N, C-alpha and C. Protein backbone atom coordinates (compact mmCIF):
# COMPACT_ATOMS: atom_id res chain seq x y z
N UNK A 1 93.01 115.44 124.57
CA UNK A 1 93.93 114.54 123.90
C UNK A 1 93.37 114.31 122.45
N UNK A 2 94.26 114.43 121.49
CA UNK A 2 93.86 114.32 120.10
C UNK A 2 93.64 112.87 119.70
N UNK A 3 92.97 112.66 118.56
CA UNK A 3 92.70 111.32 118.12
C UNK A 3 93.98 110.54 117.82
N UNK A 4 94.97 111.21 117.26
CA UNK A 4 96.25 110.52 116.99
C UNK A 4 96.91 110.05 118.27
N UNK A 5 96.88 110.92 119.34
CA UNK A 5 97.45 110.49 120.59
C UNK A 5 96.69 109.31 121.21
N UNK A 6 95.40 109.28 121.05
CA UNK A 6 94.59 108.23 121.53
C UNK A 6 94.94 106.88 120.85
N UNK A 7 95.11 107.00 119.46
CA UNK A 7 95.47 105.84 118.72
C UNK A 7 96.85 105.28 119.11
N UNK A 8 97.80 106.24 119.30
CA UNK A 8 99.18 105.80 119.68
C UNK A 8 99.09 105.10 121.05
N UNK A 9 98.34 105.68 122.00
CA UNK A 9 98.30 105.07 123.33
C UNK A 9 97.70 103.68 123.23
N UNK A 10 96.63 103.50 122.53
CA UNK A 10 95.94 102.23 122.40
C UNK A 10 96.84 101.22 121.74
N UNK A 11 97.53 101.59 120.64
CA UNK A 11 98.30 100.62 119.90
C UNK A 11 99.62 100.28 120.65
N UNK A 12 100.14 101.23 121.45
CA UNK A 12 101.31 100.88 122.26
C UNK A 12 100.89 99.83 123.28
N UNK A 13 99.68 99.99 123.83
CA UNK A 13 99.12 99.01 124.75
C UNK A 13 98.93 97.67 124.08
N UNK A 14 98.46 97.67 122.89
CA UNK A 14 98.21 96.44 122.14
C UNK A 14 99.48 95.70 121.85
N UNK A 15 100.59 96.43 121.59
CA UNK A 15 101.87 95.76 121.27
C UNK A 15 102.41 95.03 122.50
N UNK A 16 102.09 95.54 123.72
CA UNK A 16 102.53 94.94 124.94
C UNK A 16 101.57 93.89 125.44
N UNK A 17 100.28 94.17 125.32
CA UNK A 17 99.20 93.33 125.81
C UNK A 17 98.06 93.25 124.87
N UNK A 18 98.14 92.37 123.86
CA UNK A 18 97.12 92.36 122.80
C UNK A 18 95.68 92.17 123.35
N UNK A 19 94.73 92.76 122.68
CA UNK A 19 93.34 92.57 122.97
C UNK A 19 92.91 91.23 122.50
N UNK A 20 92.84 90.26 123.41
CA UNK A 20 92.55 88.87 123.02
C UNK A 20 91.16 88.71 122.44
N UNK A 21 90.27 89.68 122.76
CA UNK A 21 88.89 89.52 122.31
C UNK A 21 88.82 89.70 120.79
N UNK A 22 89.83 90.28 120.19
CA UNK A 22 89.84 90.47 118.70
C UNK A 22 90.31 89.25 117.98
N UNK A 23 90.91 88.30 118.67
CA UNK A 23 91.62 87.17 118.05
C UNK A 23 90.79 85.87 118.32
N UNK A 24 90.96 84.85 117.51
CA UNK A 24 90.31 83.54 117.77
C UNK A 24 90.80 83.00 119.09
N UNK A 25 89.96 82.12 119.68
CA UNK A 25 90.40 81.46 120.91
C UNK A 25 91.61 80.60 120.63
N UNK A 26 92.39 80.37 121.68
CA UNK A 26 93.66 79.59 121.55
C UNK A 26 94.73 80.32 120.76
N UNK A 27 94.62 81.64 120.66
CA UNK A 27 95.68 82.41 120.03
C UNK A 27 96.60 82.99 121.13
N UNK A 28 97.93 82.80 120.97
CA UNK A 28 98.89 83.30 121.93
C UNK A 28 99.99 84.07 121.17
N UNK A 29 100.73 84.76 121.89
CA UNK A 29 101.74 85.69 121.25
C UNK A 29 103.11 85.49 121.92
N UNK A 30 104.11 85.55 121.04
CA UNK A 30 105.53 85.64 121.52
C UNK A 30 106.04 86.96 120.99
N UNK A 31 107.27 87.26 121.28
CA UNK A 31 107.89 88.52 120.81
C UNK A 31 107.96 88.61 119.28
N UNK A 32 108.01 87.42 118.61
CA UNK A 32 108.22 87.44 117.19
C UNK A 32 107.19 86.59 116.41
N UNK A 33 106.15 86.14 117.09
CA UNK A 33 105.23 85.19 116.42
C UNK A 33 103.82 85.31 117.00
N UNK A 34 102.87 84.79 116.26
CA UNK A 34 101.48 84.58 116.69
C UNK A 34 101.23 83.10 116.58
N UNK A 35 100.75 82.46 117.63
CA UNK A 35 100.45 81.07 117.64
C UNK A 35 99.00 80.85 117.59
N UNK A 36 98.54 80.10 116.58
CA UNK A 36 97.08 79.77 116.47
C UNK A 36 96.88 78.31 116.84
N UNK A 37 96.35 78.10 118.05
CA UNK A 37 96.13 76.76 118.54
C UNK A 37 97.46 75.98 118.51
N UNK A 38 98.55 76.64 118.85
CA UNK A 38 99.91 76.06 118.92
C UNK A 38 100.66 76.10 117.62
N UNK A 39 99.98 76.50 116.50
CA UNK A 39 100.68 76.53 115.22
C UNK A 39 101.32 77.91 115.05
N UNK A 40 102.62 77.89 114.64
CA UNK A 40 103.30 79.15 114.40
C UNK A 40 102.81 79.73 113.07
N UNK A 41 102.39 81.01 113.11
CA UNK A 41 101.93 81.61 111.88
C UNK A 41 103.13 82.03 111.02
N UNK A 42 104.30 82.17 111.58
CA UNK A 42 105.50 82.42 110.78
C UNK A 42 105.81 81.17 109.96
N UNK A 43 105.81 80.00 110.61
CA UNK A 43 106.09 78.74 109.96
C UNK A 43 105.04 78.49 108.87
N UNK A 44 103.79 78.77 109.17
CA UNK A 44 102.74 78.56 108.20
C UNK A 44 102.94 79.39 106.96
N UNK A 45 103.28 80.67 107.18
CA UNK A 45 103.51 81.58 106.04
C UNK A 45 104.65 81.16 105.22
N UNK A 46 105.75 80.70 105.84
CA UNK A 46 106.91 80.22 105.08
C UNK A 46 106.60 78.99 104.30
N UNK A 47 105.79 78.07 104.91
CA UNK A 47 105.50 76.81 104.27
C UNK A 47 104.50 76.93 103.14
N UNK A 48 103.51 77.79 103.24
CA UNK A 48 102.40 77.85 102.26
C UNK A 48 102.40 79.12 101.45
N UNK A 49 103.19 80.08 101.85
CA UNK A 49 103.18 81.38 101.20
C UNK A 49 102.15 82.30 101.76
N UNK A 50 102.15 83.52 101.30
CA UNK A 50 101.22 84.52 101.75
C UNK A 50 100.30 85.00 100.67
N UNK A 51 99.13 85.46 100.99
CA UNK A 51 98.54 85.53 102.31
C UNK A 51 98.23 84.10 102.84
N UNK A 52 98.14 84.05 104.18
CA UNK A 52 97.84 82.85 104.88
C UNK A 52 96.72 83.13 105.87
N UNK A 53 95.74 82.21 106.02
CA UNK A 53 94.56 82.41 106.82
C UNK A 53 94.31 81.27 107.76
N UNK A 54 93.93 81.61 108.98
CA UNK A 54 93.46 80.60 109.95
C UNK A 54 92.15 81.13 110.55
N UNK A 55 91.11 80.30 110.56
CA UNK A 55 89.82 80.72 111.07
C UNK A 55 89.58 79.96 112.38
N UNK A 56 89.07 80.67 113.36
CA UNK A 56 88.77 80.06 114.67
C UNK A 56 87.58 80.64 115.32
N UNK A 57 87.10 79.97 116.35
CA UNK A 57 85.94 80.53 117.10
C UNK A 57 86.39 81.69 117.89
N UNK A 58 85.55 82.72 117.95
CA UNK A 58 85.83 83.93 118.72
C UNK A 58 85.85 83.61 120.16
N UNK A 59 86.76 84.23 120.86
CA UNK A 59 86.78 84.06 122.36
C UNK A 59 85.49 84.53 123.01
N UNK A 60 85.07 83.86 124.05
CA UNK A 60 83.89 84.28 124.76
C UNK A 60 84.27 85.39 125.78
N UNK A 61 83.27 86.06 126.28
CA UNK A 61 83.53 87.09 127.28
C UNK A 61 84.19 86.52 128.52
N UNK A 62 83.82 85.30 128.84
CA UNK A 62 84.41 84.70 130.07
C UNK A 62 85.89 84.49 129.88
N UNK A 63 86.34 84.13 128.62
CA UNK A 63 87.75 83.86 128.34
C UNK A 63 88.54 85.17 128.28
N UNK A 64 87.94 86.25 127.84
CA UNK A 64 88.73 87.48 127.65
C UNK A 64 88.62 88.37 128.91
N UNK A 65 87.67 88.11 129.80
CA UNK A 65 87.58 88.95 130.97
C UNK A 65 86.78 90.21 130.77
N UNK A 66 86.76 91.06 131.81
CA UNK A 66 85.97 92.26 131.78
C UNK A 66 86.38 93.24 130.66
N UNK A 67 87.66 93.15 130.26
CA UNK A 67 88.13 94.15 129.27
C UNK A 67 87.54 93.90 127.87
N UNK A 68 86.96 92.67 127.68
CA UNK A 68 86.52 92.41 126.30
C UNK A 68 85.37 93.29 125.86
N UNK A 69 84.49 93.63 126.77
CA UNK A 69 83.35 94.47 126.39
C UNK A 69 83.76 95.81 125.82
N UNK A 70 84.47 96.67 126.56
CA UNK A 70 84.77 98.02 126.07
C UNK A 70 85.77 98.07 124.92
N UNK A 71 86.67 97.06 124.88
CA UNK A 71 87.76 97.17 123.85
C UNK A 71 87.44 96.44 122.56
N UNK A 72 86.49 95.49 122.50
CA UNK A 72 86.20 94.77 121.30
C UNK A 72 85.59 95.69 120.28
N UNK A 73 86.11 95.71 119.02
CA UNK A 73 85.66 96.67 118.03
C UNK A 73 84.32 96.33 117.37
N UNK A 74 83.83 95.13 117.59
CA UNK A 74 82.61 94.73 116.95
C UNK A 74 81.50 94.50 117.94
N UNK A 75 80.31 94.93 117.59
CA UNK A 75 79.18 94.65 118.42
C UNK A 75 78.25 93.60 117.73
N UNK A 76 77.82 92.60 118.45
CA UNK A 76 76.99 91.55 117.85
C UNK A 76 77.72 90.78 116.74
N UNK A 77 79.02 90.53 117.01
CA UNK A 77 79.86 89.92 115.98
C UNK A 77 79.63 88.43 115.80
N UNK A 78 80.00 87.86 114.64
CA UNK A 78 79.80 86.45 114.41
C UNK A 78 80.62 85.58 115.36
N UNK A 79 80.31 84.27 115.37
CA UNK A 79 80.96 83.34 116.28
C UNK A 79 82.41 83.07 115.89
N UNK A 80 82.75 83.35 114.64
CA UNK A 80 84.11 83.02 114.18
C UNK A 80 84.80 84.31 113.65
N UNK A 81 86.16 84.29 113.78
CA UNK A 81 86.93 85.40 113.21
C UNK A 81 88.18 84.75 112.61
N UNK A 82 89.10 85.54 112.15
CA UNK A 82 90.23 85.01 111.42
C UNK A 82 91.53 85.68 111.80
N UNK A 83 92.62 84.94 111.54
CA UNK A 83 93.98 85.48 111.59
C UNK A 83 94.52 85.47 110.15
N UNK A 84 95.07 86.55 109.71
CA UNK A 84 95.64 86.65 108.40
C UNK A 84 97.10 87.07 108.49
N UNK A 85 97.95 86.42 107.67
CA UNK A 85 99.34 86.83 107.64
C UNK A 85 99.66 87.22 106.18
N UNK A 86 100.23 88.39 105.97
CA UNK A 86 100.57 88.90 104.64
C UNK A 86 102.04 89.29 104.67
N UNK A 87 102.57 89.42 103.43
CA UNK A 87 103.92 89.89 103.30
C UNK A 87 103.88 91.36 102.81
N UNK A 88 104.84 92.15 103.31
CA UNK A 88 104.96 93.56 102.82
C UNK A 88 105.62 93.58 101.47
N UNK A 89 104.91 94.23 100.52
CA UNK A 89 105.48 94.35 99.21
C UNK A 89 106.28 95.62 98.96
N UNK A 90 105.86 96.69 99.68
CA UNK A 90 106.57 97.95 99.57
C UNK A 90 106.15 98.91 100.66
N UNK A 91 107.03 99.85 100.96
CA UNK A 91 106.79 100.94 101.90
C UNK A 91 107.11 102.25 101.23
N UNK A 92 106.12 103.14 101.18
CA UNK A 92 106.31 104.37 100.43
C UNK A 92 105.90 105.59 101.27
N UNK A 93 106.43 106.79 100.90
CA UNK A 93 106.00 108.04 101.54
C UNK A 93 104.52 108.20 101.30
N UNK A 94 103.87 108.71 102.31
CA UNK A 94 102.39 108.89 102.24
C UNK A 94 102.00 110.03 101.30
N UNK A 95 100.73 109.95 100.88
CA UNK A 95 100.14 110.99 100.10
C UNK A 95 99.30 111.86 100.93
N UNK A 96 98.91 113.05 100.45
CA UNK A 96 98.07 113.97 101.24
C UNK A 96 96.80 113.31 101.66
N UNK A 97 96.44 113.52 102.89
CA UNK A 97 95.26 112.88 103.48
C UNK A 97 94.44 113.91 104.19
N UNK A 98 93.15 113.94 103.98
CA UNK A 98 92.29 114.99 104.58
C UNK A 98 92.30 114.99 106.09
N UNK A 99 92.30 113.80 106.67
CA UNK A 99 92.25 113.75 108.15
C UNK A 99 93.56 114.26 108.72
N UNK A 100 94.70 113.99 108.04
CA UNK A 100 95.97 114.52 108.52
C UNK A 100 96.04 116.00 108.38
N UNK A 101 95.52 116.49 107.24
CA UNK A 101 95.54 117.93 106.98
C UNK A 101 94.70 118.67 107.99
N UNK A 102 93.56 118.06 108.36
CA UNK A 102 92.68 118.67 109.35
C UNK A 102 93.36 118.73 110.72
N UNK A 103 94.05 117.68 111.07
CA UNK A 103 94.77 117.64 112.35
C UNK A 103 95.94 118.61 112.37
N UNK A 104 96.51 118.90 111.17
CA UNK A 104 97.57 119.87 111.08
C UNK A 104 97.08 121.27 110.88
N UNK A 105 95.83 121.53 111.20
CA UNK A 105 95.21 122.88 111.17
C UNK A 105 95.28 123.44 109.74
N UNK A 106 95.09 122.55 108.76
CA UNK A 106 95.05 123.02 107.38
C UNK A 106 96.37 123.18 106.72
N UNK A 107 97.44 122.83 107.38
CA UNK A 107 98.78 122.93 106.75
C UNK A 107 98.87 121.98 105.60
N UNK A 108 99.36 122.41 104.51
CA UNK A 108 99.57 121.52 103.30
C UNK A 108 100.85 120.80 103.44
N UNK A 109 101.80 121.26 104.31
CA UNK A 109 103.03 120.57 104.46
C UNK A 109 103.07 119.62 105.63
N UNK A 110 101.91 119.32 106.21
CA UNK A 110 101.81 118.41 107.34
C UNK A 110 102.28 117.01 106.87
N UNK A 111 103.01 116.29 107.71
CA UNK A 111 103.48 114.95 107.31
C UNK A 111 102.37 114.02 107.09
N UNK A 112 102.50 113.11 106.13
CA UNK A 112 101.45 112.13 105.87
C UNK A 112 101.97 110.77 106.23
N UNK A 113 101.15 109.90 106.79
CA UNK A 113 101.57 108.56 107.15
C UNK A 113 102.11 107.84 105.93
N UNK A 114 103.16 107.07 106.17
CA UNK A 114 103.72 106.23 105.09
C UNK A 114 102.70 105.17 104.75
N UNK A 115 102.81 104.64 103.52
CA UNK A 115 101.90 103.61 103.08
C UNK A 115 102.69 102.27 103.05
N UNK A 116 102.07 101.26 103.70
CA UNK A 116 102.61 99.88 103.71
C UNK A 116 101.70 99.04 102.85
N UNK A 117 102.21 98.56 101.72
CA UNK A 117 101.41 97.71 100.82
C UNK A 117 101.66 96.27 101.11
N UNK A 118 100.55 95.52 101.30
CA UNK A 118 100.60 94.11 101.55
C UNK A 118 100.18 93.31 100.35
N UNK A 119 100.54 92.03 100.32
CA UNK A 119 100.20 91.18 99.17
C UNK A 119 98.82 90.50 99.26
N UNK A 120 97.83 91.25 99.69
CA UNK A 120 96.49 90.71 99.84
C UNK A 120 95.50 91.80 99.53
N UNK A 121 94.28 91.43 99.17
CA UNK A 121 93.20 92.41 98.95
C UNK A 121 92.47 92.64 100.25
N UNK A 122 92.75 93.71 100.96
CA UNK A 122 92.18 93.95 102.28
C UNK A 122 90.77 94.34 102.18
N UNK A 123 90.30 94.80 101.02
CA UNK A 123 88.90 95.14 100.86
C UNK A 123 88.02 93.90 100.88
N UNK A 124 88.60 92.73 100.84
CA UNK A 124 87.84 91.46 100.86
C UNK A 124 87.60 91.00 102.28
N UNK A 125 88.21 91.70 103.24
CA UNK A 125 88.02 91.29 104.65
C UNK A 125 87.76 92.52 105.53
N UNK A 126 87.72 92.29 106.78
CA UNK A 126 87.51 93.38 107.73
C UNK A 126 88.68 93.40 108.71
N UNK A 127 89.85 93.89 108.23
CA UNK A 127 91.04 93.91 109.14
C UNK A 127 90.90 94.86 110.30
N UNK A 128 91.36 94.41 111.47
CA UNK A 128 91.35 95.30 112.66
C UNK A 128 92.75 95.88 112.73
N UNK A 129 92.89 97.15 112.36
CA UNK A 129 94.17 97.80 112.26
C UNK A 129 94.98 97.77 113.57
N UNK A 130 94.27 97.84 114.69
CA UNK A 130 95.01 97.88 115.96
C UNK A 130 95.65 96.58 116.32
N UNK A 131 95.30 95.47 115.60
CA UNK A 131 95.93 94.17 115.88
C UNK A 131 97.18 93.86 115.02
N UNK A 132 97.41 94.73 114.04
CA UNK A 132 98.53 94.41 113.13
C UNK A 132 99.91 94.45 113.82
N UNK A 133 100.68 93.48 113.54
CA UNK A 133 101.99 93.32 114.15
C UNK A 133 102.95 92.62 113.24
N UNK A 134 104.23 93.03 113.22
CA UNK A 134 105.25 92.35 112.42
C UNK A 134 105.65 91.13 113.16
N UNK A 135 105.71 90.00 112.46
CA UNK A 135 106.18 88.72 113.04
C UNK A 135 107.35 88.21 112.25
N UNK A 136 108.11 87.25 112.78
CA UNK A 136 109.17 86.66 112.11
C UNK A 136 110.54 87.29 112.38
N UNK A 137 110.55 88.39 113.12
CA UNK A 137 111.86 89.00 113.52
C UNK A 137 111.59 89.91 114.71
N UNK A 138 112.71 90.23 115.38
CA UNK A 138 112.62 91.16 116.51
C UNK A 138 112.47 92.60 115.95
N UNK A 139 111.54 93.33 116.52
CA UNK A 139 111.33 94.72 115.99
C UNK A 139 111.71 95.70 117.09
N UNK A 140 112.16 96.92 116.65
CA UNK A 140 112.54 97.93 117.66
C UNK A 140 111.29 98.51 118.30
N UNK A 141 111.43 99.19 119.45
CA UNK A 141 110.25 99.73 120.12
C UNK A 141 109.71 101.01 119.41
N UNK A 142 110.48 101.63 118.56
CA UNK A 142 109.97 102.83 117.89
C UNK A 142 108.98 102.47 116.80
N UNK A 143 107.74 103.02 116.94
CA UNK A 143 106.69 102.74 116.01
C UNK A 143 106.08 104.00 115.44
N UNK A 144 105.34 103.86 114.38
CA UNK A 144 104.65 104.99 113.76
C UNK A 144 103.32 104.55 113.18
N UNK A 145 102.44 105.53 113.00
CA UNK A 145 101.15 105.18 112.37
C UNK A 145 101.40 105.16 110.89
N UNK A 146 100.92 104.07 110.23
CA UNK A 146 101.01 103.98 108.78
C UNK A 146 99.67 103.62 108.17
N UNK A 147 99.53 103.90 106.93
CA UNK A 147 98.33 103.52 106.20
C UNK A 147 98.62 102.17 105.51
N UNK A 148 97.75 101.20 105.81
CA UNK A 148 97.96 99.88 105.26
C UNK A 148 97.11 99.73 103.98
N UNK A 149 97.73 99.36 102.87
CA UNK A 149 97.07 99.23 101.60
C UNK A 149 97.39 97.91 100.95
N UNK A 150 96.61 97.42 99.95
CA UNK A 150 95.57 98.16 99.26
C UNK A 150 94.24 98.03 99.97
N UNK A 151 93.39 98.99 99.80
CA UNK A 151 92.00 98.92 100.25
C UNK A 151 91.24 99.98 99.48
N UNK A 152 90.00 99.64 99.16
CA UNK A 152 89.12 100.58 98.41
C UNK A 152 88.13 101.24 99.35
N UNK A 153 88.25 100.97 100.68
CA UNK A 153 87.32 101.48 101.64
C UNK A 153 87.40 103.00 101.74
N UNK A 154 86.31 103.64 102.16
CA UNK A 154 86.36 105.07 102.36
C UNK A 154 87.29 105.44 103.52
N UNK A 155 87.25 104.67 104.58
CA UNK A 155 88.09 104.84 105.76
C UNK A 155 89.29 103.89 105.61
N UNK A 156 90.52 104.42 105.46
CA UNK A 156 91.64 103.59 105.28
C UNK A 156 92.05 102.89 106.54
N UNK A 157 92.74 101.74 106.40
CA UNK A 157 93.20 100.98 107.52
C UNK A 157 94.48 101.63 108.07
N UNK A 158 94.49 101.99 109.30
CA UNK A 158 95.71 102.55 109.94
C UNK A 158 96.22 101.58 110.98
N UNK A 159 97.59 101.46 111.09
CA UNK A 159 98.15 100.54 112.05
C UNK A 159 99.37 101.22 112.62
N UNK A 160 99.75 100.71 113.83
CA UNK A 160 100.93 101.22 114.57
C UNK A 160 102.04 100.16 114.38
N UNK A 161 102.92 100.41 113.40
CA UNK A 161 103.93 99.41 113.11
C UNK A 161 105.34 99.92 113.25
N UNK A 162 106.31 99.04 113.33
CA UNK A 162 107.74 99.45 113.56
C UNK A 162 108.22 100.40 112.46
N UNK A 163 108.99 101.38 112.90
CA UNK A 163 109.49 102.41 111.93
C UNK A 163 110.39 101.82 110.87
N UNK A 164 110.98 100.64 111.15
CA UNK A 164 111.88 100.03 110.18
C UNK A 164 111.21 98.97 109.32
N UNK A 165 109.84 99.00 109.26
CA UNK A 165 109.17 98.01 108.48
C UNK A 165 109.64 98.06 107.00
N UNK A 166 109.75 96.95 106.37
CA UNK A 166 110.32 96.92 105.01
C UNK A 166 109.77 95.80 104.20
N UNK A 167 109.98 95.82 102.90
CA UNK A 167 109.53 94.79 102.00
C UNK A 167 110.06 93.43 102.47
N UNK A 168 109.17 92.42 102.44
CA UNK A 168 109.56 91.12 102.88
C UNK A 168 109.10 90.80 104.32
N UNK A 169 108.82 91.79 105.13
CA UNK A 169 108.31 91.57 106.45
C UNK A 169 107.00 90.83 106.40
N UNK A 170 106.73 90.09 107.43
CA UNK A 170 105.38 89.45 107.60
C UNK A 170 104.60 90.22 108.57
N UNK A 171 103.36 90.48 108.27
CA UNK A 171 102.41 91.23 109.13
C UNK A 171 101.20 90.32 109.41
N UNK A 172 100.94 90.09 110.69
CA UNK A 172 99.82 89.30 111.14
C UNK A 172 98.78 90.24 111.71
N UNK A 173 97.50 89.91 111.51
CA UNK A 173 96.40 90.75 112.07
C UNK A 173 95.13 89.91 112.16
N UNK A 174 94.26 90.38 113.01
CA UNK A 174 92.94 89.70 113.16
C UNK A 174 91.92 90.38 112.23
N UNK A 175 90.96 89.56 111.74
CA UNK A 175 89.87 90.03 110.97
C UNK A 175 88.56 89.83 111.77
N UNK A 176 87.66 90.76 111.74
CA UNK A 176 86.41 90.69 112.52
C UNK A 176 85.50 89.53 112.07
N UNK A 177 85.69 89.04 110.84
CA UNK A 177 84.83 87.99 110.32
C UNK A 177 85.75 87.00 109.57
N UNK A 178 85.27 85.79 109.43
CA UNK A 178 86.01 84.81 108.57
C UNK A 178 86.21 85.28 107.14
N UNK A 179 87.31 84.95 106.56
CA UNK A 179 87.56 85.34 105.19
C UNK A 179 88.24 84.18 104.47
N UNK A 180 87.96 83.94 103.20
CA UNK A 180 88.56 82.87 102.47
C UNK A 180 89.86 83.30 101.84
N UNK A 181 90.80 82.33 101.67
CA UNK A 181 92.05 82.61 101.03
C UNK A 181 91.85 83.11 99.60
N UNK A 182 90.89 82.59 98.93
CA UNK A 182 90.63 82.97 97.55
C UNK A 182 90.26 84.47 97.47
N UNK A 183 89.48 84.96 98.44
CA UNK A 183 89.13 86.37 98.42
C UNK A 183 90.30 87.27 98.74
N UNK A 184 91.27 86.77 99.46
CA UNK A 184 92.42 87.58 99.87
C UNK A 184 93.51 87.67 98.79
N UNK A 185 93.53 86.67 97.90
CA UNK A 185 94.65 86.63 96.92
C UNK A 185 94.55 87.84 96.00
N UNK A 186 95.70 88.32 95.54
CA UNK A 186 95.77 89.49 94.73
C UNK A 186 95.03 89.36 93.45
N UNK A 187 94.34 90.50 93.08
CA UNK A 187 93.65 90.60 91.79
C UNK A 187 94.08 91.90 91.14
N UNK A 188 93.37 92.24 90.07
CA UNK A 188 93.75 93.46 89.36
C UNK A 188 92.93 94.64 89.80
N UNK A 189 92.45 94.62 91.04
CA UNK A 189 91.57 95.68 91.52
C UNK A 189 92.30 96.95 91.86
N UNK A 190 93.64 96.85 91.94
CA UNK A 190 94.44 98.06 92.38
C UNK A 190 95.57 98.29 91.38
N UNK A 191 95.27 98.82 90.19
CA UNK A 191 96.27 99.08 89.19
C UNK A 191 97.36 100.02 89.64
N UNK A 192 97.12 100.80 90.71
CA UNK A 192 98.13 101.76 91.18
C UNK A 192 99.37 101.05 91.70
N UNK A 193 99.26 99.72 91.93
CA UNK A 193 100.46 98.98 92.30
C UNK A 193 101.53 99.15 91.23
N UNK A 194 101.14 99.27 89.97
CA UNK A 194 102.05 99.27 88.87
C UNK A 194 102.24 100.59 88.19
N UNK A 195 101.19 101.44 88.13
CA UNK A 195 101.23 102.59 87.25
C UNK A 195 101.43 103.94 87.90
N UNK A 196 101.75 103.92 89.21
CA UNK A 196 101.97 105.27 89.85
C UNK A 196 103.44 105.61 89.99
N UNK A 197 104.32 104.81 89.39
CA UNK A 197 105.75 105.12 89.40
C UNK A 197 106.51 104.76 90.62
N UNK A 198 105.89 104.29 91.69
CA UNK A 198 106.55 104.00 92.92
C UNK A 198 107.19 102.62 92.97
N UNK A 199 106.79 101.73 92.06
CA UNK A 199 107.23 100.34 92.15
C UNK A 199 108.46 100.06 91.31
N UNK A 200 108.89 101.02 90.49
CA UNK A 200 110.03 100.80 89.62
C UNK A 200 111.35 100.88 90.40
């Protein structure tokens, strides 16, 4: 089984049964929302704007059950983690990617994952790509692997998101560590937002 098949299987599973170990305690899910201690993250994002952050204590192993051990992405992680909600600013055709080319046996015409740009600086936090989900509307079951940007990390953030994702959508995800709103707010670290011709 290839890496891409493994990622698709895992993220399909996450869309139906999220890995609670990655989220703060008292986090629950509906078809269109994430609830943090009873607070709607959709309502919070509409009221305060995006990005929006909620920090909570990480669930214990007893709360998450036996599955928490093998599925949790962090080892020796801190006691607190975060929920972040961002808005989609743009969705673009992907650029050539070495990992995709390798999987396509060196083909230069291999399809590249689309890029989904969010209104936050993801290099300021540790987003868990497998937890990313569109909230605020009903989404179709058809999904695809996308590259979530901006990020300056060597390893890009990949997520399994609806094929009809579009500008204005809200995306919620868990971060492995707490992050401040100030660190998430947009800065001038990614000039390609404006100068690569895709935003006009």
